[in-house]
Amino acid sequence: MSYQAEREAFLHRWANYGRTLADGRAILRNANTIQRLAVVVCNVEMDDSQAARVERRSDSAERAIAKVVRAVPGWAVDFQGDPRGACVKLLPPNGYYDSWGGSGWCVPTREY
């Protein structure tokens, strides 16, 4: 499935939970940032200042997603560090999952 199709399916499912498309798009945008930065961390040698800048940007994106997700009662978010899989998983209260590990709803990104 293409990223566009996965993105639209994510937004549709998110809206079915009664959430706004703006919040869904914010999750997607920040998840793409987290995924991209995780790839950079794994593939690029960085000095301390570069690594600190990447970490600050990743932390900022994580805080933005957490703010949106935690505003929904019963929901949580799980951040993964391995870019070979989904770096961001949502944990809805009904236990829905679409990951091979059986936990969490993977947020689609361009690189995963």
N, C-alpha and C. Protein backbone atom coordinates (compact mmCIF):
# COMPACT_ATOMS: atom_id res chain seq x y z
N MET A 1 0.85 -1.17 0.00
CA MET A 1 0.00 0.00 0.00
C MET A 1 0.90 1.24 0.00
N SER A 2 0.53 2.24 -0.75
CA SER A 2 1.33 3.46 -0.82
C SER A 2 1.19 4.27 0.47
N TYR A 3 2.13 5.18 0.67
CA TYR A 3 2.08 6.03 1.86
C TYR A 3 0.79 6.85 1.85
N GLN A 4 0.40 7.37 0.69
CA GLN A 4 -0.82 8.19 0.61
C GLN A 4 -2.03 7.38 1.05
N ALA A 5 -2.13 6.13 0.59
CA ALA A 5 -3.26 5.28 0.98
C ALA A 5 -3.22 4.98 2.48
N GLU A 6 -2.03 4.69 3.01
CA GLU A 6 -1.90 4.43 4.45
C GLU A 6 -2.25 5.68 5.26
N ARG A 7 -1.81 6.83 4.77
CA ARG A 7 -2.11 8.10 5.44
C ARG A 7 -3.61 8.35 5.49
N GLU A 8 -4.29 8.16 4.37
CA GLU A 8 -5.73 8.37 4.32
C GLU A 8 -6.46 7.37 5.21
N ALA A 9 -6.02 6.12 5.22
CA ALA A 9 -6.64 5.11 6.09
C ALA A 9 -6.45 5.48 7.56
N PHE A 10 -5.25 5.97 7.91
CA PHE A 10 -4.99 6.40 9.28
C PHE A 10 -5.93 7.54 9.66
N LEU A 11 -6.03 8.56 8.80
CA LEU A 11 -6.89 9.70 9.10
C LEU A 11 -8.36 9.28 9.21
N HIS A 12 -8.79 8.38 8.35
CA HIS A 12 -10.17 7.89 8.40
C HIS A 12 -10.43 7.17 9.72
N ARG A 13 -9.51 6.27 10.11
CA ARG A 13 -9.66 5.53 11.36
C ARG A 13 -9.62 6.49 12.55
N TRP A 14 -8.72 7.45 12.50
CA TRP A 14 -8.60 8.45 13.58
C TRP A 14 -9.91 9.23 13.72
N ALA A 15 -10.51 9.64 12.59
CA ALA A 15 -11.77 10.37 12.61
C ALA A 15 -12.91 9.49 13.13
N ASN A 16 -12.84 8.18 12.85
CA ASN A 16 -13.87 7.27 13.37
C ASN A 16 -13.86 7.20 14.89
N TYR A 17 -12.73 7.51 15.50
CA TYR A 17 -12.65 7.57 16.96
C TYR A 17 -13.15 8.92 17.48
N GLY A 18 -13.65 9.77 16.59
CA GLY A 18 -14.19 11.06 17.00
C GLY A 18 -13.14 12.14 17.16
N ARG A 19 -11.98 11.94 16.59
CA ARG A 19 -10.89 12.90 16.71
C ARG A 19 -10.83 13.78 15.46
N THR A 20 -10.21 14.92 15.57
CA THR A 20 -10.17 15.87 14.45
C THR A 20 -9.08 15.48 13.44
N LEU A 21 -9.32 15.86 12.20
CA LEU A 21 -8.32 15.62 11.16
C LEU A 21 -7.06 16.43 11.41
N ALA A 22 -7.22 17.63 11.97
CA ALA A 22 -6.04 18.45 12.27
C ALA A 22 -5.12 17.74 13.26
N ASP A 23 -5.70 17.11 14.28
CA ASP A 23 -4.89 16.35 15.24
C ASP A 23 -4.23 15.15 14.56
N GLY A 24 -4.97 14.48 13.70
CA GLY A 24 -4.41 13.33 12.97
C GLY A 24 -3.26 13.75 12.08
N ARG A 25 -3.41 14.87 11.41
CA ARG A 25 -2.32 15.37 10.55
C ARG A 25 -1.10 15.78 11.38
N ALA A 26 -1.34 16.34 12.55
CA ALA A 26 -0.22 16.70 13.43
C ALA A 26 0.54 15.45 13.87
N ILE A 27 -0.18 14.39 14.17
CA ILE A 27 0.47 13.12 14.55
C ILE A 27 1.30 12.61 13.38
N LEU A 28 0.72 12.60 12.18
CA LEU A 28 1.45 12.12 11.00
C LEU A 28 2.71 12.95 10.73
N ARG A 29 2.57 14.27 10.79
CA ARG A 29 3.71 15.15 10.52
C ARG A 29 4.85 14.90 11.51
N ASN A 30 4.50 14.82 12.78
CA ASN A 30 5.54 14.62 13.80
C ASN A 30 6.09 13.20 13.78
N ALA A 31 5.27 12.22 13.43
CA ALA A 31 5.76 10.84 13.31
C ALA A 31 6.77 10.74 12.16
N ASN A 32 6.51 11.44 11.06
CA ASN A 32 7.47 11.46 9.96
C ASN A 32 8.80 12.06 10.40
N THR A 33 8.74 13.10 11.21
CA THR A 33 9.97 13.72 11.73
C THR A 33 10.73 12.73 12.60
N ILE A 34 10.03 12.06 13.50
CA ILE A 34 10.68 11.09 14.39
C ILE A 34 11.31 9.96 13.60
N GLN A 35 10.59 9.44 12.62
CA GLN A 35 11.09 8.33 11.80
C GLN A 35 12.34 8.77 11.03
N ARG A 36 12.25 9.95 10.41
CA ARG A 36 13.39 10.46 9.61
C ARG A 36 14.61 10.66 10.49
N LEU A 37 14.42 11.23 11.68
CA LEU A 37 15.55 11.46 12.58
C LEU A 37 16.12 10.15 13.10
N ALA A 38 15.28 9.14 13.32
CA ALA A 38 15.78 7.83 13.75
C ALA A 38 16.68 7.21 12.68
N VAL A 39 16.31 7.40 11.42
CA VAL A 39 17.14 6.91 10.31
C VAL A 39 18.48 7.64 10.31
N VAL A 40 18.45 8.95 10.52
CA VAL A 40 19.68 9.74 10.55
C VAL A 40 20.60 9.27 11.67
N VAL A 41 20.04 9.05 12.85
CA VAL A 41 20.84 8.62 13.99
C VAL A 41 21.53 7.29 13.69
N CYS A 42 20.83 6.40 12.98
CA CYS A 42 21.41 5.09 12.68
C CYS A 42 22.44 5.13 11.54
N ASN A 43 22.34 6.10 10.66
CA ASN A 43 23.16 6.07 9.45
C ASN A 43 24.23 7.15 9.34
N VAL A 44 24.21 8.13 10.22
CA VAL A 44 25.12 9.27 10.08
C VAL A 44 25.95 9.43 11.35
N GLU A 45 27.26 9.57 11.15
CA GLU A 45 28.11 9.90 12.29
C GLU A 45 27.96 11.38 12.59
N MET A 46 27.70 11.70 13.86
CA MET A 46 27.48 13.08 14.24
C MET A 46 28.38 13.45 15.41
N ASP A 47 28.73 14.73 15.45
CA ASP A 47 29.44 15.21 16.63
C ASP A 47 28.40 15.49 17.72
N ASP A 48 28.86 15.88 18.89
CA ASP A 48 27.95 16.07 20.03
C ASP A 48 26.89 17.13 19.78
N SER A 49 27.26 18.22 19.14
CA SER A 49 26.28 19.29 18.91
C SER A 49 25.21 18.86 17.90
N GLN A 50 25.62 18.12 16.89
CA GLN A 50 24.64 17.61 15.92
C GLN A 50 23.70 16.61 16.58
N ALA A 51 24.25 15.71 17.37
CA ALA A 51 23.44 14.72 18.06
C ALA A 51 22.45 15.39 19.02
N ALA A 52 22.90 16.42 19.71
CA ALA A 52 22.02 17.15 20.64
C ALA A 52 20.89 17.84 19.88
N ARG A 53 21.20 18.40 18.73
CA ARG A 53 20.18 19.08 17.91
C ARG A 53 19.14 18.07 17.42
N VAL A 54 19.58 16.90 16.98
CA VAL A 54 18.66 15.85 16.53
C VAL A 54 17.79 15.38 17.69
N GLU A 55 18.40 15.19 18.84
CA GLU A 55 17.65 14.74 20.01
C GLU A 55 16.60 15.76 20.44
N ARG A 56 16.96 17.06 20.42
CA ARG A 56 16.00 18.10 20.77
C ARG A 56 14.81 18.11 19.82
N ARG A 57 15.09 17.96 18.52
CA ARG A 57 14.02 17.96 17.52
C ARG A 57 13.11 16.74 17.69
N SER A 58 13.72 15.60 17.94
CA SER A 58 12.94 14.38 18.15
C SER A 58 12.09 14.49 19.42
N ASP A 59 12.67 15.01 20.50
CA ASP A 59 11.92 15.19 21.75
C ASP A 59 10.75 16.15 21.55
N SER A 60 10.95 17.19 20.77
CA SER A 60 9.89 18.15 20.49
C SER A 60 8.75 17.49 19.73
N ALA A 61 9.07 16.67 18.75
CA ALA A 61 8.05 15.96 17.98
C ALA A 61 7.30 14.96 18.88
N GLU A 62 8.03 14.28 19.75
CA GLU A 62 7.39 13.33 20.68
C GLU A 62 6.43 14.06 21.62
N ARG A 63 6.84 15.21 22.14
CA ARG A 63 5.97 15.98 23.03
C ARG A 63 4.71 16.43 22.30
N ALA A 64 4.84 16.83 21.05
CA ALA A 64 3.69 17.28 20.27
C ALA A 64 2.69 16.14 20.08
N ILE A 65 3.19 14.95 19.76
CA ILE A 65 2.28 13.80 19.60
C ILE A 65 1.66 13.43 20.93
N ALA A 66 2.46 13.36 21.98
CA ALA A 66 1.95 12.99 23.29
C ALA A 66 0.86 13.95 23.76
N LYS A 67 1.00 15.22 23.47
CA LYS A 67 0.00 16.21 23.86
C LYS A 67 -1.34 15.92 23.19
N VAL A 68 -1.31 15.57 21.91
CA VAL A 68 -2.54 15.26 21.18
C VAL A 68 -3.15 13.96 21.69
N VAL A 69 -2.34 12.93 21.83
CA VAL A 69 -2.85 11.60 22.18
C VAL A 69 -3.34 11.56 23.62
N ARG A 70 -2.63 12.15 24.52
CA ARG A 70 -3.02 12.08 25.93
C ARG A 70 -4.23 12.93 26.25
N ALA A 71 -4.63 13.79 25.32
CA ALA A 71 -5.85 14.58 25.51
C ALA A 71 -7.09 13.72 25.31
N VAL A 72 -6.89 12.52 24.77
CA VAL A 72 -8.00 11.59 24.53
C VAL A 72 -8.02 10.59 25.69
N PRO A 73 -9.09 10.53 26.45
CA PRO A 73 -9.13 9.64 27.62
C PRO A 73 -8.86 8.18 27.25
N GLY A 74 -7.96 7.56 28.01
CA GLY A 74 -7.65 6.15 27.84
C GLY A 74 -6.59 5.85 26.79
N TRP A 75 -6.18 6.82 26.02
CA TRP A 75 -5.19 6.60 24.96
C TRP A 75 -3.79 6.83 25.50
N ALA A 76 -2.82 6.17 24.87
CA ALA A 76 -1.40 6.36 25.19
C ALA A 76 -0.62 6.28 23.89
N VAL A 77 0.64 6.61 23.97
CA VAL A 77 1.51 6.55 22.80
C VAL A 77 2.79 5.85 23.19
N ASP A 78 3.34 5.08 22.25
CA ASP A 78 4.58 4.34 22.47
C ASP A 78 5.57 4.76 21.40
N PHE A 79 6.72 5.27 21.81
CA PHE A 79 7.75 5.70 20.87
C PHE A 79 8.83 4.63 20.81
N GLN A 80 9.12 4.19 19.62
CA GLN A 80 10.15 3.19 19.37
C GLN A 80 11.38 3.89 18.80
N GLY A 81 12.55 3.35 18.97
CA GLY A 81 13.75 3.97 18.46
C GLY A 81 14.31 3.34 17.20
N ASP A 82 13.79 2.18 16.84
CA ASP A 82 14.32 1.44 15.70
C ASP A 82 13.59 1.84 14.42
N PRO A 83 14.29 2.48 13.47
CA PRO A 83 13.62 2.95 12.26
C PRO A 83 13.24 1.85 11.27
N ARG A 84 13.58 0.60 11.57
CA ARG A 84 13.18 -0.49 10.68
C ARG A 84 11.70 -0.84 10.85
N GLY A 85 11.07 -0.28 11.85
CA GLY A 85 9.65 -0.47 12.09
C GLY A 85 9.00 0.87 12.36
N ALA A 86 7.80 0.83 12.85
CA ALA A 86 7.09 2.08 13.17
C ALA A 86 7.70 2.69 14.42
N CYS A 87 8.14 3.93 14.32
CA CYS A 87 8.72 4.61 15.48
C CYS A 87 7.65 5.16 16.42
N VAL A 88 6.41 5.27 15.93
CA VAL A 88 5.32 5.78 16.74
C VAL A 88 4.14 4.82 16.65
N LYS A 89 3.67 4.38 17.81
CA LYS A 89 2.48 3.53 17.89
C LYS A 89 1.49 4.17 18.86
N LEU A 90 0.25 4.22 18.45
CA LEU A 90 -0.82 4.69 19.33
C LEU A 90 -1.42 3.49 20.03
N LEU A 91 -1.81 3.68 21.27
CA LEU A 91 -2.38 2.60 22.08
C LEU A 91 -3.80 3.00 22.49
N PRO A 92 -4.80 2.64 21.66
CA PRO A 92 -6.18 2.99 22.01
C PRO A 92 -6.71 2.10 23.14
N PRO A 93 -7.71 2.57 23.86
CA PRO A 93 -8.21 1.80 24.99
C PRO A 93 -8.89 0.49 24.60
N ASN A 94 -9.35 0.36 23.35
CA ASN A 94 -10.02 -0.87 22.94
C ASN A 94 -9.04 -1.97 22.55
N GLY A 95 -7.73 -1.69 22.60
CA GLY A 95 -6.72 -2.70 22.32
C GLY A 95 -6.45 -2.94 20.85
N TYR A 96 -7.01 -2.10 19.97
CA TYR A 96 -6.78 -2.27 18.53
C TYR A 96 -5.29 -2.24 18.24
N TYR A 97 -4.85 -3.14 17.36
CA TYR A 97 -3.45 -3.11 16.93
C TYR A 97 -3.36 -3.56 15.49
N ASP A 98 -2.33 -3.07 14.82
CA ASP A 98 -2.05 -3.50 13.45
C ASP A 98 -0.57 -3.80 13.27
N SER A 99 0.10 -4.02 14.37
CA SER A 99 1.54 -4.32 14.32
C SER A 99 1.76 -5.82 14.43
N TRP A 100 2.87 -6.26 13.93
CA TRP A 100 3.20 -7.69 14.01
C TRP A 100 3.43 -8.11 15.45
N GLY A 101 3.84 -7.19 16.28
CA GLY A 101 4.10 -7.50 17.68
C GLY A 101 2.83 -7.62 18.51
N GLY A 102 1.70 -7.26 17.92
CA GLY A 102 0.43 -7.39 18.64
C GLY A 102 0.14 -6.31 19.64
N SER A 103 0.85 -5.19 19.53
CA SER A 103 0.56 -4.08 20.44
C SER A 103 0.69 -2.78 19.68
N GLY A 104 -0.35 -2.03 19.68
CA GLY A 104 -0.30 -0.68 19.12
C GLY A 104 -0.74 -0.55 17.68
N TRP A 105 -1.15 0.65 17.38
CA TRP A 105 -1.61 1.04 16.07
C TRP A 105 -0.48 1.86 15.45
N CYS A 106 0.19 1.31 14.45
CA CYS A 106 1.35 1.94 13.83
C CYS A 106 0.94 3.20 13.08
N VAL A 107 1.65 4.28 13.34
CA VAL A 107 1.41 5.52 12.60
C VAL A 107 2.26 5.44 11.33
N PRO A 108 1.62 5.54 10.15
CA PRO A 108 2.37 5.41 8.91
C PRO A 108 3.29 6.61 8.68
N THR A 109 4.44 6.32 8.10
CA THR A 109 5.39 7.37 7.72
C THR A 109 5.93 7.07 6.33
N ARG A 110 6.54 8.06 5.73
CA ARG A 110 7.09 7.87 4.40
C ARG A 110 8.20 6.83 4.34
N GLU A 111 8.99 6.73 5.41
CA GLU A 111 10.15 5.86 5.41
C GLU A 111 9.89 4.47 5.97
N TYR A 112 8.68 4.22 6.47
CA TYR A 112 8.38 2.89 7.02
C TYR A 112 7.24 2.29 6.24
